[in-house]
Amino acid sequence: MVRIAASTIALIAWAGLAAAQGTQVTFGGMTQDTSAPVEVTADQLEVNQGNGTALYTGNVVIGQGDMRLAAPRVLVVYAEGQNGSQGRIQRMEASGGVTLVSGEEAAEAERADYDIDAGTVVMTGNVLLTQGGNALTSERMVVNLTDGTAQMAGRVQTVINQGSSGQGQN
């Protein structure tokens, strides 16, 4: 999987985070309005009214407020409405290499599950956060869109570059 380089990530990290288990970090520094309209674009769409799902494939981009999620495949699950009709979006399951961007911040993983009611995005599989020359990796990250925080777990590794100019660093 080709990694998309994240331009900037606003997260607070210090040397004591290196190799920690269950690290708390900031993500976004802003809150996300989970009641905002959701816009989905993709190359293809398959709707299954029987089970209340919609499968978007090919260059999928989902936008809600300042948040953008991109992936090759996203399954949208609708909550059951009145009289058995499909209601609002309950959750989204993105897979195949996911990039989540909120404002100037970004994260990458193999999979992301967005629970709209809970206001959380659970990213799993080779999670990567970067800030300039600094990077955090883990196997799992739960982003709380209500308070702008993230919890990382599963062999968390932090790389902090001390140089301010970035010259001579690999």
C-alpha atoms as a PDB file:
ATOM      1  CA  MET A   1       0.000   0.000   0.000  1.00  0.00           C
ATOM      2  CA  VAL A   2       1.361   3.376  -0.973  1.00  0.00           C
ATOM      3  CA  ARG A   3       1.321   5.808   1.946  1.00  0.00           C
ATOM      4  CA  ILE A   4      -0.033   9.264   1.253  1.00  0.00           C
ATOM      5  CA  ALA A   5       2.205  11.792   2.987  1.00  0.00           C
ATOM      6  CA  ALA A   6       0.284  13.844   5.510  1.00  0.00           C
ATOM      7  CA  SER A   7       1.175  17.521   5.317  1.00  0.00           C
ATOM      8  CA  THR A   8       0.712  18.495   8.943  1.00  0.00           C
ATOM      9  CA  ILE A   9      -0.734  16.947  12.073  1.00  0.00           C
ATOM     10  CA  ALA A  10      -1.387  19.000  15.181  1.00  0.00           C
ATOM     11  CA  LEU A  11      -0.713  16.629  18.014  1.00  0.00           C
ATOM     12  CA  ILE A  12       1.181  17.039  21.257  1.00  0.00           C
ATOM     13  CA  ALA A  13       3.944  14.517  21.809  1.00  0.00           C
ATOM     14  CA  TRP A  14       6.928  14.258  24.129  1.00  0.00           C
ATOM     15  CA  ALA A  15       9.819  11.834  24.421  1.00  0.00           C
ATOM     16  CA  GLY A  16       8.076   9.847  27.166  1.00  0.00           C
ATOM     17  CA  LEU A  17       5.483   8.620  24.649  1.00  0.00           C
ATOM     18  CA  ALA A  18       7.984   6.447  22.784  1.00  0.00           C
ATOM     19  CA  ALA A  19       6.983   2.782  22.765  1.00  0.00           C
ATOM     20  CA  ALA A  20       4.110   3.383  25.219  1.00  0.00           C
ATOM     21  CA  GLN A  21       0.974   1.239  25.322  1.00  0.00           C
ATOM     22  CA  GLY A  22      -2.361   3.114  25.235  1.00  0.00           C
ATOM     23  CA  THR A  23      -1.174   6.629  24.412  1.00  0.00           C
ATOM     24  CA  GLN A  24      -3.582   9.590  24.552  1.00  0.00           C
ATOM     25  CA  VAL A  25      -2.954  12.267  21.897  1.00  0.00           C
ATOM     26  CA  THR A  26      -4.844  15.222  20.516  1.00  0.00           C
ATOM     27  CA  PHE A  27      -6.362  14.917  17.063  1.00  0.00           C
ATOM     28  CA  GLY A  28      -7.851  17.891  15.333  1.00  0.00           C
ATOM     29  CA  GLY A  29      -7.750  20.318  18.210  1.00  0.00           C
ATOM     30  CA  MET A  30     -11.293  21.023  17.108  1.00  0.00           C
ATOM     31  CA  THR A  31     -14.578  19.274  17.460  1.00  0.00           C
ATOM     32  CA  GLN A  32     -16.595  17.750  14.623  1.00  0.00           C
ATOM     33  CA  ASP A  33     -20.317  18.346  14.166  1.00  0.00           C
ATOM     34  CA  THR A  34     -21.521  14.752  13.710  1.00  0.00           C
ATOM     35  CA  SER A  35     -24.999  16.051  12.839  1.00  0.00           C
ATOM     36  CA  ALA A  36     -23.668  17.921   9.773  1.00  0.00           C
ATOM     37  CA  PRO A  37     -24.663  16.600   6.336  1.00  0.00           C
ATOM     38  CA  VAL A  38     -22.542  13.748   4.950  1.00  0.00           C
ATOM     39  CA  GLU A  39     -21.444  13.964   1.293  1.00  0.00           C
ATOM     40  CA  VAL A  40     -20.156  10.825  -0.459  1.00  0.00           C
ATOM     41  CA  THR A  41     -18.562  10.642  -3.918  1.00  0.00           C
ATOM     42  CA  ALA A  42     -17.302   7.461  -5.604  1.00  0.00           C
ATOM     43  CA  ASP A  43     -16.865   5.737  -8.948  1.00  0.00           C
ATOM     44  CA  GLN A  44     -19.593   3.154  -8.244  1.00  0.00           C
ATOM     45  CA  LEU A  45     -22.540   2.614  -5.908  1.00  0.00           C
ATOM     46  CA  GLU A  46     -24.474  -0.575  -5.080  1.00  0.00           C
ATOM     47  CA  VAL A  47     -27.589  -0.167  -2.895  1.00  0.00           C
ATOM     48  CA  ASN A  48     -29.118  -3.073  -0.985  1.00  0.00           C
ATOM     49  CA  GLN A  49     -32.481  -1.964   0.377  1.00  0.00           C
ATOM     50  CA  GLY A  50     -33.049  -5.399   1.908  1.00  0.00           C
ATOM     51  CA  ASN A  51     -30.333  -4.950   4.514  1.00  0.00           C
ATOM     52  CA  GLY A  52     -30.157  -1.138   4.518  1.00  0.00           C
ATOM     53  CA  THR A  53     -26.651  -0.717   3.109  1.00  0.00           C
ATOM     54  CA  ALA A  54     -24.920   1.149   0.323  1.00  0.00           C
ATOM     55  CA  LEU A  55     -21.506   0.054  -0.977  1.00  0.00           C
ATOM     56  CA  TYR A  56     -19.357   2.778  -2.517  1.00  0.00           C
ATOM     57  CA  THR A  57     -16.261   1.673  -4.438  1.00  0.00           C
ATOM     58  CA  GLY A  58     -13.488   3.375  -6.369  1.00  0.00           C
ATOM     59  CA  ASN A  59     -11.962   6.677  -5.219  1.00  0.00           C
ATOM     60  CA  VAL A  60     -14.442   7.107  -2.371  1.00  0.00           C
ATOM     61  CA  VAL A  61     -14.344  10.481  -0.601  1.00  0.00           C
ATOM     62  CA  ILE A  62     -16.651  11.221   2.315  1.00  0.00           C
ATOM     63  CA  GLY A  63     -16.998  14.743   3.685  1.00  0.00           C
ATOM     64  CA  GLN A  64     -18.687  15.989   6.827  1.00  0.00           C
ATOM     65  CA  GLY A  65     -17.910  19.500   8.015  1.00  0.00           C
ATOM     66  CA  ASP A  66     -14.108  19.898   8.043  1.00  0.00           C
ATOM     67  CA  MET A  67     -13.517  16.128   8.045  1.00  0.00           C
ATOM     68  CA  ARG A  68     -12.643  14.119   4.926  1.00  0.00           C
ATOM     69  CA  LEU A  69     -12.214  10.357   4.682  1.00  0.00           C
ATOM     70  CA  ALA A  70     -10.820   8.705   1.550  1.00  0.00           C
ATOM     71  CA  ALA A  71     -10.692   4.959   0.776  1.00  0.00           C
ATOM     72  CA  PRO A  72     -11.150   2.511  -2.107  1.00  0.00           C
ATOM     73  CA  ARG A  73     -14.232   0.928  -0.474  1.00  0.00           C
ATOM     74  CA  VAL A  74     -16.840   2.226   1.994  1.00  0.00           C
ATOM     75  CA  LEU A  75     -19.918   0.392   3.247  1.00  0.00           C
ATOM     76  CA  VAL A  76     -22.614   2.737   4.568  1.00  0.00           C
ATOM     77  CA  VAL A  77     -25.105   1.231   7.010  1.00  0.00           C
ATOM     78  CA  TYR A  78     -28.404   3.036   7.489  1.00  0.00           C
ATOM     79  CA  ALA A  79     -30.438   3.034  10.693  1.00  0.00           C
ATOM     80  CA  GLU A  80     -33.957   1.671  10.294  1.00  0.00           C
ATOM     81  CA  GLY A  81     -36.469   4.499  10.098  1.00  0.00           C
ATOM     82  CA  GLN A  82     -40.153   4.606  10.856  1.00  0.00           C
ATOM     83  CA  ASN A  83     -42.335   1.963   9.157  1.00  0.00           C
ATOM     84  CA  GLY A  84     -39.231  -0.067   8.295  1.00  0.00           C
ATOM     85  CA  SER A  85     -37.858   2.547   5.908  1.00  0.00           C
ATOM     86  CA  GLN A  86     -34.172   3.452   5.786  1.00  0.00           C
ATOM     87  CA  GLY A  87     -33.314   6.436   7.939  1.00  0.00           C
ATOM     88  CA  ARG A  88     -30.142   8.356   8.529  1.00  0.00           C
ATOM     89  CA  ILE A  89     -26.610   6.952   8.286  1.00  0.00           C
ATOM     90  CA  GLN A  90     -25.713   4.905  11.360  1.00  0.00           C
ATOM     91  CA  ARG A  91     -22.111   3.959  10.557  1.00  0.00           C
ATOM     92  CA  MET A  92     -19.538   3.723   7.774  1.00  0.00           C
ATOM     93  CA  GLU A  93     -16.930   1.004   7.298  1.00  0.00           C
ATOM     94  CA  ALA A  94     -13.960   2.069   5.132  1.00  0.00           C
ATOM     95  CA  SER A  95     -11.302  -0.399   3.979  1.00  0.00           C
ATOM     96  CA  GLY A  96      -8.459  -0.914   1.554  1.00  0.00           C
ATOM     97  CA  GLY A  97      -6.215   1.880   2.861  1.00  0.00           C
ATOM     98  CA  VAL A  98      -7.896   4.832   4.546  1.00  0.00           C
ATOM     99  CA  THR A  99      -6.857   8.464   4.973  1.00  0.00           C
ATOM    100  CA  LEU A 100      -8.673  10.645   7.510  1.00  0.00           C
ATOM    101  CA  VAL A 101      -8.142  14.411   7.363  1.00  0.00           C
ATOM    102  CA  SER A 102      -9.614  16.937   9.779  1.00  0.00           C
ATOM    103  CA  GLY A 103      -8.577  20.515   9.123  1.00  0.00           C
ATOM    104  CA  GLU A 104      -4.797  20.405   8.774  1.00  0.00           C
ATOM    105  CA  GLU A 105      -4.435  17.023  10.481  1.00  0.00           C
ATOM    106  CA  ALA A 106      -4.327  13.555   8.949  1.00  0.00           C
ATOM    107  CA  ALA A 107      -4.099   9.868   9.839  1.00  0.00           C
ATOM    108  CA  GLU A 108      -3.730   6.700   7.760  1.00  0.00           C
ATOM    109  CA  ALA A 109      -4.701   3.074   8.420  1.00  0.00           C
ATOM    110  CA  GLU A 110      -5.811  -0.091   6.658  1.00  0.00           C
ATOM    111  CA  ARG A 111      -9.395   0.268   7.954  1.00  0.00           C
ATOM    112  CA  ALA A 112     -11.644   2.852   9.622  1.00  0.00           C
ATOM    113  CA  ASP A 113     -15.082   2.421  11.193  1.00  0.00           C
ATOM    114  CA  TYR A 114     -17.043   5.639  11.789  1.00  0.00           C
ATOM    115  CA  ASP A 115     -19.894   5.413  14.324  1.00  0.00           C
ATOM    116  CA  ILE A 116     -21.840   8.615  13.724  1.00  0.00           C
ATOM    117  CA  ASP A 117     -24.005   8.400  16.862  1.00  0.00           C
ATOM    118  CA  ALA A 118     -20.991   7.819  19.127  1.00  0.00           C
ATOM    119  CA  GLY A 119     -18.918  10.409  17.253  1.00  0.00           C
ATOM    120  CA  THR A 120     -15.924   8.052  17.008  1.00  0.00           C
ATOM    121  CA  VAL A 121     -13.667   6.764  14.257  1.00  0.00           C
ATOM    122  CA  VAL A 122     -11.794   3.533  15.027  1.00  0.00           C
ATOM    123  CA  MET A 123      -8.756   3.135  12.763  1.00  0.00           C
ATOM    124  CA  THR A 124      -6.941  -0.216  12.689  1.00  0.00           C
ATOM    125  CA  GLY A 125      -3.952  -1.749  10.926  1.00  0.00           C
ATOM    126  CA  ASN A 126      -0.685   0.157  10.549  1.00  0.00           C
ATOM    127  CA  VAL A 127      -2.026   3.453  11.900  1.00  0.00           C
ATOM    128  CA  LEU A 128       0.213   6.442  11.117  1.00  0.00           C
ATOM    129  CA  LEU A 129       0.075  10.017  12.422  1.00  0.00           C
ATOM    130  CA  THR A 130       2.715  12.579  11.427  1.00  0.00           C
ATOM    131  CA  GLN A 131       3.589  16.150  12.380  1.00  0.00           C
ATOM    132  CA  GLY A 132       6.366  17.630  10.322  1.00  0.00           C
ATOM    133  CA  GLY A 133       9.318  15.336  11.036  1.00  0.00           C
ATOM    134  CA  ASN A 134       7.559  13.652  13.975  1.00  0.00           C
ATOM    135  CA  ALA A 135       5.520  10.463  13.656  1.00  0.00           C
ATOM    136  CA  LEU A 136       3.365   8.166  15.786  1.00  0.00           C
ATOM    137  CA  THR A 137       2.451   4.631  14.766  1.00  0.00           C
ATOM    138  CA  SER A 138       0.239   1.977  16.350  1.00  0.00           C
ATOM    139  CA  GLU A 139      -2.112  -0.849  15.467  1.00  0.00           C
ATOM    140  CA  ARG A 140      -5.298   0.889  16.671  1.00  0.00           C
ATOM    141  CA  MET A 141      -6.476   4.456  17.185  1.00  0.00           C
ATOM    142  CA  VAL A 142      -9.859   5.660  18.409  1.00  0.00           C
ATOM    143  CA  VAL A 143     -10.596   9.264  17.436  1.00  0.00           C
ATOM    144  CA  ASN A 144     -13.227  11.050  19.530  1.00  0.00           C
ATOM    145  CA  LEU A 145     -14.661  13.698  17.204  1.00  0.00           C
ATOM    146  CA  THR A 146     -16.616  15.328  20.035  1.00  0.00           C
ATOM    147  CA  ASP A 147     -13.562  16.428  22.026  1.00  0.00           C
ATOM    148  CA  GLY A 148     -10.816  16.228  19.383  1.00  0.00           C
ATOM    149  CA  THR A 149      -8.733  13.523  21.094  1.00  0.00           C
ATOM    150  CA  ALA A 150      -7.386  10.156  20.042  1.00  0.00           C
ATOM    151  CA  GLN A 151      -6.351   7.060  21.970  1.00  0.00           C
ATOM    152  CA  MET A 152      -3.609   4.920  20.416  1.00  0.00           C
ATOM    153  CA  ALA A 153      -2.927   1.316  21.435  1.00  0.00           C
ATOM    154  CA  GLY A 154      -1.039  -1.740  20.231  1.00  0.00           C
ATOM    155  CA  ARG A 155       2.709  -1.166  20.346  1.00  0.00           C
ATOM    156  CA  VAL A 156       2.737   2.597  20.011  1.00  0.00           C
ATOM    157  CA  GLN A 157       5.965   4.056  18.654  1.00  0.00           C
ATOM    158  CA  THR A 158       6.880   7.740  18.601  1.00  0.00           C
ATOM    159  CA  VAL A 159       9.687   9.355  16.614  1.00  0.00           C
ATOM    160  CA  ILE A 160      10.469  12.935  17.632  1.00  0.00           C
ATOM    161  CA  ASN A 161      12.981  14.986  15.667  1.00  0.00           C
ATOM    162  CA  GLN A 162      14.668  17.565  17.890  1.00  0.00           C
ATOM    163  CA  GLY A 163      16.093  19.741  15.073  1.00  0.00           C
ATOM    164  CA  SER A 164      14.144  22.888  14.228  1.00  0.00           C
ATOM    165  CA  SER A 165      15.389  23.332  10.648  1.00  0.00           C
ATOM    166  CA  GLY A 166      14.969  19.738   9.534  1.00  0.00           C
ATOM    167  CA  GLN A 167      18.387  19.854   7.783  1.00  0.00           C
ATOM    168  CA  GLY A 168      20.603  16.819   8.052  1.00  0.00           C
ATOM    169  CA  GLN A 169      17.766  14.605   9.299  1.00  0.00           C
ATOM    170  CA  ASN A 170      16.684  11.378   7.657  1.00  0.00           C
END
